[in-house]
């Protein structure tokens, strides 16, 4: 395998991270749309939350790009990000309006990415300092 080719596991992990980043961009757009079209009790709070979600979405994209480039510092950011998704999945699967399908769609990929980040030798090799 040449140095320019990446392992399938790295490509798949990057694909999952890219899908999650894109989903965050969609959520940010939806929240911004809701802020603009629906009355809110606190406009300042809504705008602050929208900006926070946009920053998170762009940061997730930057971390994904860094992972693809093999930057070792991205591992910690990705694990924290995935644990946030696991927490969201747990909260989504509980309560009166529980959505198990949505909880599994968020939680399973996050758990798989976390396990790969922590234990896969291909990820460790990809993130080694060169």
C-alpha atoms as a PDB file:
ATOM      1  CA  UNK A   1       0.000   0.000   0.000  1.00  0.00           C
ATOM      2  CA  UNK A   2       1.466   3.357  -0.951  1.00  0.00           C
ATOM      3  CA  UNK A   3       1.638   6.250   1.462  1.00  0.00           C
ATOM      4  CA  UNK A   4      -1.003   8.196  -0.504  1.00  0.00           C
ATOM      5  CA  UNK A   5      -3.657   5.514  -0.112  1.00  0.00           C
ATOM      6  CA  UNK A   6      -5.752   5.400   3.025  1.00  0.00           C
ATOM      7  CA  UNK A   7      -7.189   2.323   4.663  1.00  0.00           C
ATOM      8  CA  UNK A   8     -10.875   1.595   4.210  1.00  0.00           C
ATOM      9  CA  UNK A   9     -11.464   2.096   7.944  1.00  0.00           C
ATOM     10  CA  UNK A  10     -10.094   5.651   7.747  1.00  0.00           C
ATOM     11  CA  UNK A  11     -12.255   6.429   4.721  1.00  0.00           C
ATOM     12  CA  UNK A  12     -15.374   5.046   6.458  1.00  0.00           C
ATOM     13  CA  UNK A  13     -14.668   6.926   9.699  1.00  0.00           C
ATOM     14  CA  UNK A  14     -14.144  10.134   7.748  1.00  0.00           C
ATOM     15  CA  UNK A  15     -17.403   9.513   5.892  1.00  0.00           C
ATOM     16  CA  UNK A  16     -19.325   9.087   9.172  1.00  0.00           C
ATOM     17  CA  UNK A  17     -17.698  12.206  10.633  1.00  0.00           C
ATOM     18  CA  UNK A  18     -18.540  14.136   7.462  1.00  0.00           C
ATOM     19  CA  UNK A  19     -22.172  13.030   7.632  1.00  0.00           C
ATOM     20  CA  UNK A  20     -22.354  14.117  11.265  1.00  0.00           C
ATOM     21  CA  UNK A  21     -20.823  17.508  10.408  1.00  0.00           C
ATOM     22  CA  UNK A  22     -23.285  17.958   7.560  1.00  0.00           C
ATOM     23  CA  UNK A  23     -26.176  17.020   9.850  1.00  0.00           C
ATOM     24  CA  UNK A  24     -24.998  19.651  12.339  1.00  0.00           C
ATOM     25  CA  UNK A  25     -25.005  22.237   9.543  1.00  0.00           C
ATOM     26  CA  UNK A  26     -28.580  21.213   8.753  1.00  0.00           C
ATOM     27  CA  UNK A  27     -29.605  21.547  12.391  1.00  0.00           C
ATOM     28  CA  UNK A  28     -27.956  24.977  12.550  1.00  0.00           C
ATOM     29  CA  UNK A  29     -29.840  26.071   9.441  1.00  0.00           C
ATOM     30  CA  UNK A  30     -33.122  24.755  10.854  1.00  0.00           C
ATOM     31  CA  UNK A  31     -32.598  26.541  14.170  1.00  0.00           C
ATOM     32  CA  UNK A  32     -31.724  29.787  12.379  1.00  0.00           C
ATOM     33  CA  UNK A  33     -34.831  29.467  10.211  1.00  0.00           C
ATOM     34  CA  UNK A  34     -36.972  28.902  13.299  1.00  0.00           C
ATOM     35  CA  UNK A  35     -35.440  31.932  14.990  1.00  0.00           C
ATOM     36  CA  UNK A  36     -36.249  34.108  11.981  1.00  0.00           C
ATOM     37  CA  UNK A  37     -39.799  32.850  11.412  1.00  0.00           C
ATOM     38  CA  UNK A  38     -41.157  32.012  14.866  1.00  0.00           C
ATOM     39  CA  UNK A  39     -41.667  34.275  17.842  1.00  0.00           C
ATOM     40  CA  UNK A  40     -39.433  33.483  20.786  1.00  0.00           C
ATOM     41  CA  UNK A  41     -39.466  34.525  24.418  1.00  0.00           C
ATOM     42  CA  UNK A  42     -35.824  35.534  24.263  1.00  0.00           C
ATOM     43  CA  UNK A  43     -34.543  36.663  20.881  1.00  0.00           C
ATOM     44  CA  UNK A  44     -31.062  37.216  22.268  1.00  0.00           C
ATOM     45  CA  UNK A  45     -30.950  33.697  23.674  1.00  0.00           C
ATOM     46  CA  UNK A  46     -32.173  32.224  20.402  1.00  0.00           C
ATOM     47  CA  UNK A  47     -29.571  34.096  18.366  1.00  0.00           C
ATOM     48  CA  UNK A  48     -26.831  33.104  20.830  1.00  0.00           C
ATOM     49  CA  UNK A  49     -27.852  29.447  20.582  1.00  0.00           C
ATOM     50  CA  UNK A  50     -27.949  29.646  16.778  1.00  0.00           C
ATOM     51  CA  UNK A  51     -24.437  31.100  16.668  1.00  0.00           C
ATOM     52  CA  UNK A  52     -23.234  28.417  19.070  1.00  0.00           C
ATOM     53  CA  UNK A  53     -24.643  25.635  16.881  1.00  0.00           C
ATOM     54  CA  UNK A  54     -23.107  27.193  13.739  1.00  0.00           C
ATOM     55  CA  UNK A  55     -19.705  27.406  15.435  1.00  0.00           C
ATOM     56  CA  UNK A  56     -20.024  23.780  16.563  1.00  0.00           C
ATOM     57  CA  UNK A  57     -20.919  22.646  13.052  1.00  0.00           C
ATOM     58  CA  UNK A  58     -17.944  24.418  11.478  1.00  0.00           C
ATOM     59  CA  UNK A  59     -15.619  23.160  14.219  1.00  0.00           C
ATOM     60  CA  UNK A  60     -16.826  19.600  13.591  1.00  0.00           C
ATOM     61  CA  UNK A  61     -16.047  20.065   9.910  1.00  0.00           C
ATOM     62  CA  UNK A  62     -12.573  21.374  10.711  1.00  0.00           C
ATOM     63  CA  UNK A  63     -11.893  18.412  13.004  1.00  0.00           C
ATOM     64  CA  UNK A  64     -13.080  16.016  10.292  1.00  0.00           C
ATOM     65  CA  UNK A  65     -10.730  17.629   7.800  1.00  0.00           C
ATOM     66  CA  UNK A  66      -7.893  17.415  10.323  1.00  0.00           C
ATOM     67  CA  UNK A  67      -8.591  13.733  10.879  1.00  0.00           C
ATOM     68  CA  UNK A  68      -8.496  13.108   7.136  1.00  0.00           C
ATOM     69  CA  UNK A  69      -5.120  14.891   7.024  1.00  0.00           C
ATOM     70  CA  UNK A  70      -3.819  12.667   9.843  1.00  0.00           C
ATOM     71  CA  UNK A  71      -3.467  15.276  12.578  1.00  0.00           C
ATOM     72  CA  UNK A  72      -3.068  13.490  15.898  1.00  0.00           C
ATOM     73  CA  UNK A  73      -4.747  16.250  17.941  1.00  0.00           C
ATOM     74  CA  UNK A  74      -8.102  15.464  16.331  1.00  0.00           C
ATOM     75  CA  UNK A  75      -8.555  12.209  18.242  1.00  0.00           C
ATOM     76  CA  UNK A  76      -9.474  13.938  21.527  1.00  0.00           C
ATOM     77  CA  UNK A  77     -11.863  16.344  19.823  1.00  0.00           C
ATOM     78  CA  UNK A  78     -13.583  13.501  17.981  1.00  0.00           C
ATOM     79  CA  UNK A  79     -13.991  11.399  21.131  1.00  0.00           C
ATOM     80  CA  UNK A  80     -15.501  14.354  23.035  1.00  0.00           C
ATOM     81  CA  UNK A  81     -17.796  15.122  20.108  1.00  0.00           C
ATOM     82  CA  UNK A  82     -18.944  11.482  19.918  1.00  0.00           C
ATOM     83  CA  UNK A  83     -19.618  11.351  23.662  1.00  0.00           C
ATOM     84  CA  UNK A  84     -21.816  14.426  23.227  1.00  0.00           C
ATOM     85  CA  UNK A  85     -23.730  12.526  20.536  1.00  0.00           C
ATOM     86  CA  UNK A  86     -24.083   9.495  22.826  1.00  0.00           C
ATOM     87  CA  UNK A  87     -25.546  11.773  25.512  1.00  0.00           C
ATOM     88  CA  UNK A  88     -27.978  13.269  23.000  1.00  0.00           C
ATOM     89  CA  UNK A  89     -28.952   9.764  21.887  1.00  0.00           C
ATOM     90  CA  UNK A  90     -29.622   8.656  25.460  1.00  0.00           C
ATOM     91  CA  UNK A  91     -31.763  11.728  26.108  1.00  0.00           C
ATOM     92  CA  UNK A  92     -33.625  11.230  22.811  1.00  0.00           C
ATOM     93  CA  UNK A  93     -34.491   7.649  23.727  1.00  0.00           C
ATOM     94  CA  UNK A  94     -36.057   8.571  27.081  1.00  0.00           C
ATOM     95  CA  UNK A  95     -39.136  10.418  28.263  1.00  0.00           C
ATOM     96  CA  UNK A  96     -42.694  10.756  27.102  1.00  0.00           C
ATOM     97  CA  UNK A  97     -41.723  11.699  23.535  1.00  0.00           C
ATOM     98  CA  UNK A  98     -38.953   9.120  23.195  1.00  0.00           C
ATOM     99  CA  UNK A  99     -37.730   8.380  19.685  1.00  0.00           C
ATOM    100  CA  UNK A 100     -35.813   5.107  19.778  1.00  0.00           C
ATOM    101  CA  UNK A 101     -35.186   5.161  16.028  1.00  0.00           C
ATOM    102  CA  UNK A 102     -33.581   8.590  16.215  1.00  0.00           C
ATOM    103  CA  UNK A 103     -31.672   7.650  19.356  1.00  0.00           C
ATOM    104  CA  UNK A 104     -30.178   4.604  17.626  1.00  0.00           C
ATOM    105  CA  UNK A 105     -29.380   6.583  14.478  1.00  0.00           C
ATOM    106  CA  UNK A 106     -27.409   9.071  16.572  1.00  0.00           C
ATOM    107  CA  UNK A 107     -25.947   6.743  19.189  1.00  0.00           C
ATOM    108  CA  UNK A 108     -24.766   3.690  17.264  1.00  0.00           C
ATOM    109  CA  UNK A 109     -22.470   5.550  14.832  1.00  0.00           C
ATOM    110  CA  UNK A 110     -21.115   7.628  17.718  1.00  0.00           C
ATOM    111  CA  UNK A 111     -20.301   4.510  19.726  1.00  0.00           C
ATOM    112  CA  UNK A 112     -18.631   2.837  16.732  1.00  0.00           C
ATOM    113  CA  UNK A 113     -16.541   5.922  15.937  1.00  0.00           C
ATOM    114  CA  UNK A 114     -15.510   6.230  19.600  1.00  0.00           C
ATOM    115  CA  UNK A 115     -14.435   2.590  19.751  1.00  0.00           C
ATOM    116  CA  UNK A 116     -12.491   2.950  16.507  1.00  0.00           C
ATOM    117  CA  UNK A 117     -10.789   6.129  17.699  1.00  0.00           C
ATOM    118  CA  UNK A 118      -9.701   4.490  20.933  1.00  0.00           C
ATOM    119  CA  UNK A 119      -8.848   0.942  19.870  1.00  0.00           C
ATOM    120  CA  UNK A 120      -8.298   0.601  16.099  1.00  0.00           C
ATOM    121  CA  UNK A 121      -4.678   0.132  15.085  1.00  0.00           C
ATOM    122  CA  UNK A 122      -5.373   1.639  11.683  1.00  0.00           C
ATOM    123  CA  UNK A 123      -6.495   4.881  13.342  1.00  0.00           C
ATOM    124  CA  UNK A 124      -3.411   4.936  15.546  1.00  0.00           C
ATOM    125  CA  UNK A 125      -1.204   4.406  12.497  1.00  0.00           C
ATOM    126  CA  UNK A 126      -3.056   7.113  10.563  1.00  0.00           C
ATOM    127  CA  UNK A 127      -2.694   9.640  13.379  1.00  0.00           C
ATOM    128  CA  UNK A 128       0.993   8.992  14.099  1.00  0.00           C
ATOM    129  CA  UNK A 129       3.158  12.055  13.867  1.00  0.00           C
ATOM    130  CA  UNK A 130       5.098  11.985  10.675  1.00  0.00           C
END
